[in-house]
Amino acid sequence: MTSVDRLPIKMLHDRVLVKTSAEEGERRSSGGILIPATAQVSKRLVWAEVLAIGNHVRAVELGDKVLFSPDDRHEVEISGESYLLLRERDIHAVAAKRVDTNTGLYL
């Protein structure tokens, strides 16, 4: 049970509350070198899990994984844990089982 489950939060408008996983910070290069989170390049996009959404959010649901730029975020601390607050328009992609691979575009 996360602190978001214990504290009732209602997100407003197009806001999305997400949490990055602990292993998102560190990564390994193709040569096996461990790159710490503090050495991350600012242009690198990050995946996070959606924990709460506002009433005007249309393309994202609870539990989805979303891709966003670390520059477009606001950090918030709730009950001692850090979360990120995003706008739906700042989300670049959504990964979920319900996402259809058919774009509906005619080329």
PDB file of N, CA and C in Angstrom:
ATOM      1  N   MET A   1       0.850  -1.181   0.000  1.00  0.00           N
ATOM      2  CA  MET A   1       0.000   0.000   0.000  1.00  0.00           C
ATOM      3  C   MET A   1       0.894   1.242   0.000  1.00  0.00           C
ATOM      4  N   THR A   2       0.737   2.078  -1.003  1.00  0.00           N
ATOM      5  CA  THR A   2       1.550   3.295  -1.080  1.00  0.00           C
ATOM      6  C   THR A   2       0.886   4.402  -0.291  1.00  0.00           C
ATOM      7  N   SER A   3       1.613   5.478  -0.080  1.00  0.00           N
ATOM      8  CA  SER A   3       1.053   6.595   0.680  1.00  0.00           C
ATOM      9  C   SER A   3      -0.076   7.270  -0.088  1.00  0.00           C
ATOM     10  N   VAL A   4      -0.102   7.131  -1.416  1.00  0.00           N
ATOM     11  CA  VAL A   4      -1.208   7.693  -2.197  1.00  0.00           C
ATOM     12  C   VAL A   4      -2.493   6.945  -1.881  1.00  0.00           C
ATOM     13  N   ASP A   5      -2.394   5.620  -1.611  1.00  0.00           N
ATOM     14  CA  ASP A   5      -3.575   4.838  -1.239  1.00  0.00           C
ATOM     15  C   ASP A   5      -4.124   5.272   0.120  1.00  0.00           C
ATOM     16  N   ARG A   6      -3.255   5.684   1.023  1.00  0.00           N
ATOM     17  CA  ARG A   6      -3.685   6.066   2.360  1.00  0.00           C
ATOM     18  C   ARG A   6      -4.216   7.489   2.426  1.00  0.00           C
ATOM     19  N   LEU A   7      -3.771   8.352   1.536  1.00  0.00           N
ATOM     20  CA  LEU A   7      -4.168   9.747   1.550  1.00  0.00           C
ATOM     21  C   LEU A   7      -5.054  10.028   0.331  1.00  0.00           C
ATOM     22  N   PRO A   8      -6.319  10.372   0.535  1.00  0.00           N
ATOM     23  CA  PRO A   8      -7.184  10.631  -0.616  1.00  0.00           C
ATOM     24  C   PRO A   8      -6.740  11.893  -1.362  1.00  0.00           C
ATOM     25  N   ILE A   9      -6.457  11.732  -2.634  1.00  0.00           N
ATOM     26  CA  ILE A   9      -6.014  12.843  -3.469  1.00  0.00           C
ATOM     27  C   ILE A   9      -6.913  12.921  -4.687  1.00  0.00           C
ATOM     28  N   LYS A  10      -7.391  14.105  -4.974  1.00  0.00           N
ATOM     29  CA  LYS A  10      -8.184  14.335  -6.179  1.00  0.00           C
ATOM     30  C   LYS A  10      -7.380  15.274  -7.074  1.00  0.00           C
ATOM     31  N   MET A  11      -6.938  14.752  -8.204  1.00  0.00           N
ATOM     32  CA  MET A  11      -6.184  15.562  -9.149  1.00  0.00           C
ATOM     33  C   MET A  11      -7.170  16.457  -9.909  1.00  0.00           C
ATOM     34  N   LEU A  12      -6.731  17.649 -10.246  1.00  0.00           N
ATOM     35  CA  LEU A  12      -7.589  18.603 -10.929  1.00  0.00           C
ATOM     36  C   LEU A  12      -7.190  18.755 -12.397  1.00  0.00           C
ATOM     37  N   HIS A  13      -8.168  19.068 -13.217  1.00  0.00           N
ATOM     38  CA  HIS A  13      -7.997  19.427 -14.625  1.00  0.00           C
ATOM     39  C   HIS A  13      -7.217  18.367 -15.399  1.00  0.00           C
ATOM     40  N   ASP A  14      -6.113  18.742 -16.027  1.00  0.00           N
ATOM     41  CA  ASP A  14      -5.357  17.809 -16.874  1.00  0.00           C
ATOM     42  C   ASP A  14      -4.093  17.301 -16.193  1.00  0.00           C
ATOM     43  N   ARG A  15      -4.096  17.244 -14.879  1.00  0.00           N
ATOM     44  CA  ARG A  15      -2.909  16.838 -14.129  1.00  0.00           C
ATOM     45  C   ARG A  15      -2.850  15.321 -13.948  1.00  0.00           C
ATOM     46  N   VAL A  16      -1.618  14.803 -13.937  1.00  0.00           N
ATOM     47  CA  VAL A  16      -1.373  13.373 -13.776  1.00  0.00           C
ATOM     48  C   VAL A  16      -0.296  13.202 -12.711  1.00  0.00           C
ATOM     49  N   LEU A  17      -0.563  12.378 -11.701  1.00  0.00           N
ATOM     50  CA  LEU A  17       0.406  12.084 -10.648  1.00  0.00           C
ATOM     51  C   LEU A  17       1.065  10.755 -10.973  1.00  0.00           C
ATOM     52  N   VAL A  18       2.407  10.745 -11.050  1.00  0.00           N
ATOM     53  CA  VAL A  18       3.132   9.539 -11.414  1.00  0.00           C
ATOM     54  C   VAL A  18       4.253   9.275 -10.419  1.00  0.00           C
ATOM     55  N   LYS A  19       4.755   8.038 -10.454  1.00  0.00           N
ATOM     56  CA  LYS A  19       5.902   7.656  -9.635  1.00  0.00           C
ATOM     57  C   LYS A  19       6.845   6.861 -10.510  1.00  0.00           C
ATOM     58  N   THR A  20       8.106   7.272 -10.519  1.00  0.00           N
ATOM     59  CA  THR A  20       9.116   6.526 -11.251  1.00  0.00           C
ATOM     60  C   THR A  20       9.598   5.373 -10.382  1.00  0.00           C
ATOM     61  N   SER A  21      10.021   4.297 -11.022  1.00  0.00           N
ATOM     62  CA  SER A  21      10.516   3.154 -10.261  1.00  0.00           C
ATOM     63  C   SER A  21      11.924   3.456  -9.750  1.00  0.00           C
ATOM     64  N   ALA A  22      12.335   2.753  -8.740  1.00  0.00           N
ATOM     65  CA  ALA A  22      13.646   2.987  -8.127  1.00  0.00           C
ATOM     66  C   ALA A  22      14.779   2.676  -9.097  1.00  0.00           C
ATOM     67  N   GLU A  23      14.593   1.668  -9.975  1.00  0.00           N
ATOM     68  CA  GLU A  23      15.667   1.309 -10.896  1.00  0.00           C
ATOM     69  C   GLU A  23      15.729   2.222 -12.110  1.00  0.00           C
ATOM     70  N   GLU A  24      14.793   3.153 -12.274  1.00  0.00           N
ATOM     71  CA  GLU A  24      14.849   4.112 -13.377  1.00  0.00           C
ATOM     72  C   GLU A  24      16.046   5.035 -13.258  1.00  0.00           C
ATOM     73  N   GLY A  25      16.517   5.280 -12.047  1.00  0.00           N
ATOM     74  CA  GLY A  25      17.612   6.213 -11.838  1.00  0.00           C
ATOM     75  C   GLY A  25      18.933   5.734 -12.403  1.00  0.00           C
ATOM     76  N   GLU A  26      19.292   4.503 -12.095  1.00  0.00           N
ATOM     77  CA  GLU A  26      20.556   3.968 -12.575  1.00  0.00           C
ATOM     78  C   GLU A  26      20.317   3.133 -13.815  1.00  0.00           C
ATOM     79  N   ARG A  27      21.319   3.092 -14.675  1.00  0.00           N
ATOM     80  CA  ARG A  27      21.222   2.250 -15.863  1.00  0.00           C
ATOM     81  C   ARG A  27      22.607   1.764 -16.227  1.00  0.00           C
ATOM     82  N   ARG A  28      22.670   0.769 -17.102  1.00  0.00           N
ATOM     83  CA  ARG A  28      23.943   0.217 -17.555  1.00  0.00           C
ATOM     84  C   ARG A  28      24.131   0.529 -19.029  1.00  0.00           C
ATOM     85  N   SER A  29      25.365   0.863 -19.383  1.00  0.00           N
ATOM     86  CA  SER A  29      25.685   1.101 -20.784  1.00  0.00           C
ATOM     87  C   SER A  29      25.797  -0.240 -21.493  1.00  0.00           C
ATOM     88  N   SER A  30      25.910  -0.212 -22.817  1.00  0.00           N
ATOM     89  CA  SER A  30      26.030  -1.463 -23.571  1.00  0.00           C
ATOM     90  C   SER A  30      27.319  -2.198 -23.218  1.00  0.00           C
ATOM     91  N   GLY A  31      28.320  -1.489 -22.716  1.00  0.00           N
ATOM     92  CA  GLY A  31      29.575  -2.103 -22.291  1.00  0.00           C
ATOM     93  C   GLY A  31      29.549  -2.610 -20.861  1.00  0.00           C
ATOM     94  N   GLY A  32      28.438  -2.420 -20.144  1.00  0.00           N
ATOM     95  CA  GLY A  32      28.302  -2.918 -18.784  1.00  0.00           C
ATOM     96  C   GLY A  32      28.669  -1.927 -17.704  1.00  0.00           C
ATOM     97  N   ILE A  33      28.940  -0.687 -18.075  1.00  0.00           N
ATOM     98  CA  ILE A  33      29.308   0.335 -17.096  1.00  0.00           C
ATOM     99  C   ILE A  33      28.048   0.869 -16.427  1.00  0.00           C
ATOM    100  N   LEU A  34      28.045   0.920 -15.088  1.00  0.00           N
ATOM    101  CA  LEU A  34      26.910   1.438 -14.332  1.00  0.00           C
ATOM    102  C   LEU A  34      26.925   2.963 -14.367  1.00  0.00           C
ATOM    103  N   ILE A  35      25.825   3.557 -14.844  1.00  0.00           N
ATOM    104  CA  ILE A  35      25.701   5.012 -14.926  1.00  0.00           C
ATOM    105  C   ILE A  35      24.734   5.457 -13.838  1.00  0.00           C
ATOM    106  N   PRO A  36      25.183   6.228 -12.842  1.00  0.00           N
ATOM    107  CA  PRO A  36      24.300   6.636 -11.745  1.00  0.00           C
ATOM    108  C   PRO A  36      23.250   7.645 -12.202  1.00  0.00           C
ATOM    109  N   ALA A  37      22.201   7.783 -11.407  1.00  0.00           N
ATOM    110  CA  ALA A  37      21.103   8.693 -11.733  1.00  0.00           C
ATOM    111  C   ALA A  37      21.568  10.136 -11.817  1.00  0.00           C
ATOM    112  N   THR A  38      22.583  10.491 -11.056  1.00  0.00           N
ATOM    113  CA  THR A  38      23.065  11.876 -11.056  1.00  0.00           C
ATOM    114  C   THR A  38      23.772  12.238 -12.353  1.00  0.00           C
ATOM    115  N   ALA A  39      24.150  11.252 -13.154  1.00  0.00           N
ATOM    116  CA  ALA A  39      24.850  11.502 -14.415  1.00  0.00           C
ATOM    117  C   ALA A  39      23.899  11.438 -15.611  1.00  0.00           C
ATOM    118  N   GLN A  40      22.611  11.432 -15.371  1.00  0.00           N
ATOM    119  CA  GLN A  40      21.646  11.343 -16.455  1.00  0.00           C
ATOM    120  C   GLN A  40      21.710  12.562 -17.351  1.00  0.00           C
ATOM    121  N   VAL A  41      21.527  12.339 -18.636  1.00  0.00           N
ATOM    122  CA  VAL A  41      21.463  13.428 -19.607  1.00  0.00           C
ATOM    123  C   VAL A  41      20.057  14.007 -19.548  1.00  0.00           C
ATOM    124  N   SER A  42      19.934  15.322 -19.543  1.00  0.00           N
ATOM    125  CA  SER A  42      18.622  15.948 -19.373  1.00  0.00           C
ATOM    126  C   SER A  42      17.688  15.691 -20.545  1.00  0.00           C
ATOM    127  N   LYS A  43      18.204  15.323 -21.700  1.00  0.00           N
ATOM    128  CA  LYS A  43      17.356  15.065 -22.874  1.00  0.00           C
ATOM    129  C   LYS A  43      16.752  13.666 -22.862  1.00  0.00           C
ATOM    130  N   ARG A  44      17.136  12.835 -21.910  1.00  0.00           N
ATOM    131  CA  ARG A  44      16.642  11.463 -21.838  1.00  0.00           C
ATOM    132  C   ARG A  44      15.212  11.441 -21.296  1.00  0.00           C
ATOM    133  N   LEU A  45      14.316  10.742 -21.980  1.00  0.00           N
ATOM    134  CA  LEU A  45      12.934  10.615 -21.529  1.00  0.00           C
ATOM    135  C   LEU A  45      12.841   9.520 -20.460  1.00  0.00           C
ATOM    136  N   VAL A  46      11.817   9.609 -19.613  1.00  0.00           N
ATOM    137  CA  VAL A  46      11.679   8.727 -18.455  1.00  0.00           C
ATOM    138  C   VAL A  46      10.300   8.074 -18.466  1.00  0.00           C
ATOM    139  N   TRP A  47      10.228   6.801 -18.033  1.00  0.00           N
ATOM    140  CA  TRP A  47       8.957   6.092 -17.868  1.00  0.00           C
ATOM    141  C   TRP A  47       8.528   6.174 -16.409  1.00  0.00           C
ATOM    142  N   ALA A  48       7.209   6.273 -16.182  1.00  0.00           N
ATOM    143  CA  ALA A  48       6.671   6.297 -14.820  1.00  0.00           C
ATOM    144  C   ALA A  48       5.274   5.680 -14.832  1.00  0.00           C
ATOM    145  N   GLU A  49       4.806   5.271 -13.654  1.00  0.00           N
ATOM    146  CA  GLU A  49       3.474   4.675 -13.514  1.00  0.00           C
ATOM    147  C   GLU A  49       2.486   5.732 -13.040  1.00  0.00           C
ATOM    148  N   VAL A  50       1.294   5.742 -13.644  1.00  0.00           N
ATOM    149  CA  VAL A  50       0.248   6.703 -13.298  1.00  0.00           C
ATOM    150  C   VAL A  50      -0.470   6.239 -12.034  1.00  0.00           C
ATOM    151  N   LEU A  51      -0.550   7.141 -11.033  1.00  0.00           N
ATOM    152  CA  LEU A  51      -1.204   6.827  -9.766  1.00  0.00           C
ATOM    153  C   LEU A  51      -2.522   7.564  -9.584  1.00  0.00           C
ATOM    154  N   ALA A  52      -2.666   8.741 -10.192  1.00  0.00           N
ATOM    155  CA  ALA A  52      -3.903   9.522 -10.081  1.00  0.00           C
ATOM    156  C   ALA A  52      -4.017  10.433 -11.301  1.00  0.00           C
ATOM    157  N   ILE A  53      -5.261  10.697 -11.725  1.00  0.00           N
ATOM    158  CA  ILE A  53      -5.488  11.553 -12.891  1.00  0.00           C
ATOM    159  C   ILE A  53      -6.595  12.561 -12.594  1.00  0.00           C
ATOM    160  N   GLY A  54      -6.534  13.694 -13.284  1.00  0.00           N
ATOM    161  CA  GLY A  54      -7.557  14.722 -13.157  1.00  0.00           C
ATOM    162  C   GLY A  54      -8.779  14.404 -14.013  1.00  0.00           C
ATOM    163  N   ASN A  55      -9.840  15.163 -13.829  1.00  0.00           N
ATOM    164  CA  ASN A  55     -11.094  14.879 -14.524  1.00  0.00           C
ATOM    165  C   ASN A  55     -11.076  15.238 -16.013  1.00  0.00           C
ATOM    166  N   HIS A  56     -10.103  15.990 -16.491  1.00  0.00           N
ATOM    167  CA  HIS A  56     -10.018  16.327 -17.912  1.00  0.00           C
ATOM    168  C   HIS A  56      -8.967  15.503 -18.658  1.00  0.00           C
ATOM    169  N   VAL A  57      -8.393  14.516 -18.015  1.00  0.00           N
ATOM    170  CA  VAL A  57      -7.406  13.642 -18.660  1.00  0.00           C
ATOM    171  C   VAL A  57      -8.162  12.622 -19.502  1.00  0.00           C
ATOM    172  N   ARG A  58      -7.762  12.497 -20.774  1.00  0.00           N
ATOM    173  CA  ARG A  58      -8.518  11.640 -21.696  1.00  0.00           C
ATOM    174  C   ARG A  58      -7.767  10.407 -22.159  1.00  0.00           C
ATOM    175  N   ALA A  59      -6.456  10.487 -22.342  1.00  0.00           N
ATOM    176  CA  ALA A  59      -5.711   9.396 -22.964  1.00  0.00           C
ATOM    177  C   ALA A  59      -4.969   8.505 -21.978  1.00  0.00           C
ATOM    178  N   VAL A  60      -5.013   8.831 -20.708  1.00  0.00           N
ATOM    179  CA  VAL A  60      -4.241   8.102 -19.700  1.00  0.00           C
ATOM    180  C   VAL A  60      -5.189   7.556 -18.644  1.00  0.00           C
ATOM    181  N   GLU A  61      -4.901   6.331 -18.174  1.00  0.00           N
ATOM    182  CA  GLU A  61      -5.696   5.723 -17.104  1.00  0.00           C
ATOM    183  C   GLU A  61      -4.774   5.303 -15.969  1.00  0.00           C
ATOM    184  N   LEU A  62      -5.362   5.034 -14.818  1.00  0.00           N
ATOM    185  CA  LEU A  62      -4.587   4.584 -13.652  1.00  0.00           C
ATOM    186  C   LEU A  62      -3.842   3.295 -13.985  1.00  0.00           C
ATOM    187  N   GLY A  63      -2.600   3.223 -13.575  1.00  0.00           N
ATOM    188  CA  GLY A  63      -1.795   2.027 -13.805  1.00  0.00           C
ATOM    189  C   GLY A  63      -1.018   2.032 -15.112  1.00  0.00           C
ATOM    190  N   ASP A  64      -1.288   2.974 -16.006  1.00  0.00           N
ATOM    191  CA  ASP A  64      -0.548   3.063 -17.270  1.00  0.00           C
ATOM    192  C   ASP A  64       0.894   3.467 -17.013  1.00  0.00           C
ATOM    193  N   LYS A  65       1.768   3.116 -17.928  1.00  0.00           N
ATOM    194  CA  LYS A  65       3.151   3.606 -17.935  1.00  0.00           C
ATOM    195  C   LYS A  65       3.190   4.742 -18.944  1.00  0.00           C
ATOM    196  N   VAL A  66       3.754   5.864 -18.553  1.00  0.00           N
ATOM    197  CA  VAL A  66       3.819   7.030 -19.444  1.00  0.00           C
ATOM    198  C   VAL A  66       5.271   7.468 -19.630  1.00  0.00           C
ATOM    199  N   LEU A  67       5.548   8.012 -20.807  1.00  0.00           N
ATOM    200  CA  LEU A  67       6.876   8.493 -21.163  1.00  0.00           C
ATOM    201  C   LEU A  67       6.842  10.015 -21.191  1.00  0.00           C
ATOM    202  N   PHE A  68       7.781  10.644 -20.483  1.00  0.00           N
ATOM    203  CA  PHE A  68       7.792  12.100 -20.405  1.00  0.00           C
ATOM    204  C   PHE A  68       9.215  12.603 -20.266  1.00  0.00           C
ATOM    205  N   SER A  69       9.394  13.890 -20.475  1.00  0.00           N
ATOM    206  CA  SER A  69      10.694  14.516 -20.323  1.00  0.00           C
ATOM    207  C   SER A  69      10.881  14.937 -18.872  1.00  0.00           C
ATOM    208  N   PRO A  70      12.039  14.665 -18.272  1.00  0.00           N
ATOM    209  CA  PRO A  70      12.275  15.074 -16.892  1.00  0.00           C
ATOM    210  C   PRO A  70      12.216  16.590 -16.698  1.00  0.00           C
ATOM    211  N   ASP A  71      12.356  17.352 -17.774  1.00  0.00           N
ATOM    212  CA  ASP A  71      12.295  18.812 -17.670  1.00  0.00           C
ATOM    213  C   ASP A  71      10.872  19.327 -17.473  1.00  0.00           C
ATOM    214  N   ASP A  72       9.851  18.518 -17.832  1.00  0.00           N
ATOM    215  CA  ASP A  72       8.453  18.947 -17.787  1.00  0.00           C
ATOM    216  C   ASP A  72       7.744  18.477 -16.524  1.00  0.00           C
ATOM    217  N   ARG A  73       8.430  18.374 -15.438  1.00  0.00           N
ATOM    218  CA  ARG A  73       7.821  17.794 -14.236  1.00  0.00           C
ATOM    219  C   ARG A  73       7.920  18.734 -13.051  1.00  0.00           C
ATOM    220  N   HIS A  74       7.084  18.437 -12.065  1.00  0.00           N
ATOM    221  CA  HIS A  74       7.129  19.122 -10.776  1.00  0.00           C
ATOM    222  C   HIS A  74       7.113  18.034  -9.706  1.00  0.00           C
ATOM    223  N   GLU A  75       8.060  18.100  -8.790  1.00  0.00           N
ATOM    224  CA  GLU A  75       8.141  17.093  -7.737  1.00  0.00           C
ATOM    225  C   GLU A  75       7.278  17.500  -6.552  1.00  0.00           C
ATOM    226  N   VAL A  76       6.652  16.501  -5.936  1.00  0.00           N
ATOM    227  CA  VAL A  76       5.835  16.734  -4.753  1.00  0.00           C
ATOM    228  C   VAL A  76       6.105  15.595  -3.771  1.00  0.00           C
ATOM    229  N   GLU A  77       6.134  15.925  -2.480  1.00  0.00           N
ATOM    230  CA  GLU A  77       6.344  14.920  -1.453  1.00  0.00           C
ATOM    231  C   GLU A  77       5.038  14.714  -0.701  1.00  0.00           C
ATOM    232  N   ILE A  78       4.600  13.454  -0.625  1.00  0.00           N
ATOM    233  CA  ILE A  78       3.366  13.098   0.067  1.00  0.00           C
ATOM    234  C   ILE A  78       3.707  11.995   1.056  1.00  0.00           C
ATOM    235  N   SER A  79       3.498  12.250   2.323  1.00  0.00           N
ATOM    236  CA  SER A  79       3.770  11.282   3.398  1.00  0.00           C
ATOM    237  C   SER A  79       5.186  10.722   3.304  1.00  0.00           C
ATOM    238  N   GLY A  80       6.144  11.564   2.988  1.00  0.00           N
ATOM    239  CA  GLY A  80       7.534  11.159   2.965  1.00  0.00           C
ATOM    240  C   GLY A  80       8.009  10.501   1.678  1.00  0.00           C
ATOM    241  N   GLU A  81       7.135  10.327   0.693  1.00  0.00           N
ATOM    242  CA  GLU A  81       7.532   9.729  -0.586  1.00  0.00           C
ATOM    243  C   GLU A  81       7.452  10.780  -1.684  1.00  0.00           C
ATOM    244  N   SER A  82       8.354  10.699  -2.651  1.00  0.00           N
ATOM    245  CA  SER A  82       8.393  11.670  -3.745  1.00  0.00           C
ATOM    246  C   SER A  82       7.593  11.176  -4.941  1.00  0.00           C
ATOM    247  N   TYR A  83       6.804  12.070  -5.519  1.00  0.00           N
ATOM    248  CA  TYR A  83       6.006  11.804  -6.705  1.00  0.00           C
ATOM    249  C   TYR A  83       6.234  12.935  -7.700  1.00  0.00           C
ATOM    250  N   LEU A  84       5.797  12.735  -8.926  1.00  0.00           N
ATOM    251  CA  LEU A  84       5.922  13.751  -9.958  1.00  0.00           C
ATOM    252  C   LEU A  84       4.549  14.155 -10.435  1.00  0.00           C
ATOM    253  N   LEU A  85       4.374  15.439 -10.690  1.00  0.00           N
ATOM    254  CA  LEU A  85       3.120  15.984 -11.174  1.00  0.00           C
ATOM    255  C   LEU A  85       3.343  16.472 -12.602  1.00  0.00           C
ATOM    256  N   LEU A  86       2.542  15.947 -13.536  1.00  0.00           N
ATOM    257  CA  LEU A  86       2.674  16.287 -14.955  1.00  0.00           C
ATOM    258  C   LEU A  86       1.359  16.822 -15.492  1.00  0.00           C
ATOM    259  N   ARG A  87       1.421  17.501 -16.622  1.00  0.00           N
ATOM    260  CA  ARG A  87       0.225  17.827 -17.389  1.00  0.00           C
ATOM    261  C   ARG A  87       0.087  16.754 -18.462  1.00  0.00           C
ATOM    262  N   GLU A  88      -1.120  16.444 -18.844  1.00  0.00           N
ATOM    263  CA  GLU A  88      -1.315  15.410 -19.852  1.00  0.00           C
ATOM    264  C   GLU A  88      -0.617  15.773 -21.163  1.00  0.00           C
ATOM    265  N   ARG A  89      -0.577  17.038 -21.508  1.00  0.00           N
ATOM    266  CA  ARG A  89       0.059  17.445 -22.765  1.00  0.00           C
ATOM    267  C   ARG A  89       1.574  17.257 -22.745  1.00  0.00           C
ATOM    268  N   ASP A  90       2.176  17.090 -21.561  1.00  0.00           N
ATOM    269  CA  ASP A  90       3.613  16.868 -21.455  1.00  0.00           C
ATOM    270  C   ASP A  90       3.995  15.388 -21.575  1.00  0.00           C
ATOM    271  N   ILE A  91       3.001  14.511 -21.681  1.00  0.00           N
ATOM    272  CA  ILE A  91       3.245  13.075 -21.811  1.00  0.00           C
ATOM    273  C   ILE A  91       3.418  12.744 -23.290  1.00  0.00           C
ATOM    274  N   HIS A  92       4.512  12.065 -23.613  1.00  0.00           N
ATOM    275  CA  HIS A  92       4.842  11.757 -25.005  1.00  0.00           C
ATOM    276  C   HIS A  92       4.241  10.440 -25.481  1.00  0.00           C
ATOM    277  N   ALA A  93       4.086   9.457 -24.593  1.00  0.00           N
ATOM    278  CA  ALA A  93       3.573   8.142 -24.991  1.00  0.00           C
ATOM    279  C   ALA A  93       2.942   7.447 -23.801  1.00  0.00           C
ATOM    280  N   VAL A  94       2.032   6.499 -24.103  1.00  0.00           N
ATOM    281  CA  VAL A  94       1.364   5.695 -23.086  1.00  0.00           C
ATOM    282  C   VAL A  94       1.581   4.231 -23.425  1.00  0.00           C
ATOM    283  N   ALA A  95       1.990   3.441 -22.450  1.00  0.00           N
ATOM    284  CA  ALA A  95       2.148   2.001 -22.628  1.00  0.00           C
ATOM    285  C   ALA A  95       1.124   1.303 -21.746  1.00  0.00           C
ATOM    286  N   ALA A  96       0.183   0.600 -22.390  1.00  0.00           N
ATOM    287  CA  ALA A  96      -0.856  -0.128 -21.664  1.00  0.00           C
ATOM    288  C   ALA A  96      -1.360  -1.259 -22.551  1.00  0.00           C
ATOM    289  N   LYS A  97      -1.901  -2.304 -21.948  1.00  0.00           N
ATOM    290  CA  LYS A  97      -2.418  -3.439 -22.721  1.00  0.00           C
ATOM    291  C   LYS A  97      -3.584  -3.045 -23.610  1.00  0.00           C
ATOM    292  N   ARG A  98      -4.332  -2.021 -23.248  1.00  0.00           N
ATOM    293  CA  ARG A  98      -5.505  -1.621 -24.018  1.00  0.00           C
ATOM    294  C   ARG A  98      -5.158  -0.794 -25.261  1.00  0.00           C
ATOM    295  N   VAL A  99      -3.898  -0.327 -25.366  1.00  0.00           N
ATOM    296  CA  VAL A  99      -3.494   0.515 -26.490  1.00  0.00           C
ATOM    297  C   VAL A  99      -3.493  -0.325 -27.754  1.00  0.00           C
ATOM    298  N   ASP A 100      -4.223   0.132 -28.773  1.00  0.00           N
ATOM    299  CA  ASP A 100      -4.341  -0.557 -30.037  1.00  0.00           C
ATOM    300  C   ASP A 100      -3.180  -0.161 -30.947  1.00  0.00           C
ATOM    301  N   THR A 101      -2.621  -1.120 -31.673  1.00  0.00           N
ATOM    302  CA  THR A 101      -1.510  -0.814 -32.575  1.00  0.00           C
ATOM    303  C   THR A 101      -1.996  -0.196 -33.877  1.00  0.00           C
ATOM    304  N   ASN A 102      -3.277  -0.294 -34.168  1.00  0.00           N
ATOM    305  CA  ASN A 102      -3.830   0.305 -35.383  1.00  0.00           C
ATOM    306  C   ASN A 102      -4.040   1.791 -35.144  1.00  0.00           C
ATOM    307  N   THR A 103      -3.392   2.630 -35.931  1.00  0.00           N
ATOM    308  CA  THR A 103      -3.488   4.076 -35.740  1.00  0.00           C
ATOM    309  C   THR A 103      -4.749   4.653 -36.355  1.00  0.00           C
ATOM    310  N   GLY A 104      -5.356   3.945 -37.308  1.00  0.00           N
ATOM    311  CA  GLY A 104      -6.542   4.474 -37.969  1.00  0.00           C
ATOM    312  C   GLY A 104      -6.208   5.455 -39.083  1.00  0.00           C
ATOM    313  N   LEU A 105      -4.936   5.650 -39.366  1.00  0.00           N
ATOM    314  CA  LEU A 105      -4.525   6.559 -40.424  1.00  0.00           C
ATOM    315  C   LEU A 105      -4.454   5.836 -41.746  1.00  0.00           C
ATOM    316  N   TYR A 106      -4.847   6.503 -42.800  1.00  0.00           N
ATOM    317  CA  TYR A 106      -4.761   5.934 -44.149  1.00  0.00           C
ATOM    318  C   TYR A 106      -3.582   6.570 -44.853  1.00  0.00           C
ATOM    319  N   LEU A 107      -2.666   5.761 -45.319  1.00  0.00           N
ATOM    320  CA  LEU A 107      -1.488   6.273 -46.002  1.00  0.00           C
ATOM    321  C   LEU A 107      -1.544   5.952 -47.476  1.00  0.00           C
TER     322      LEU A 107
END
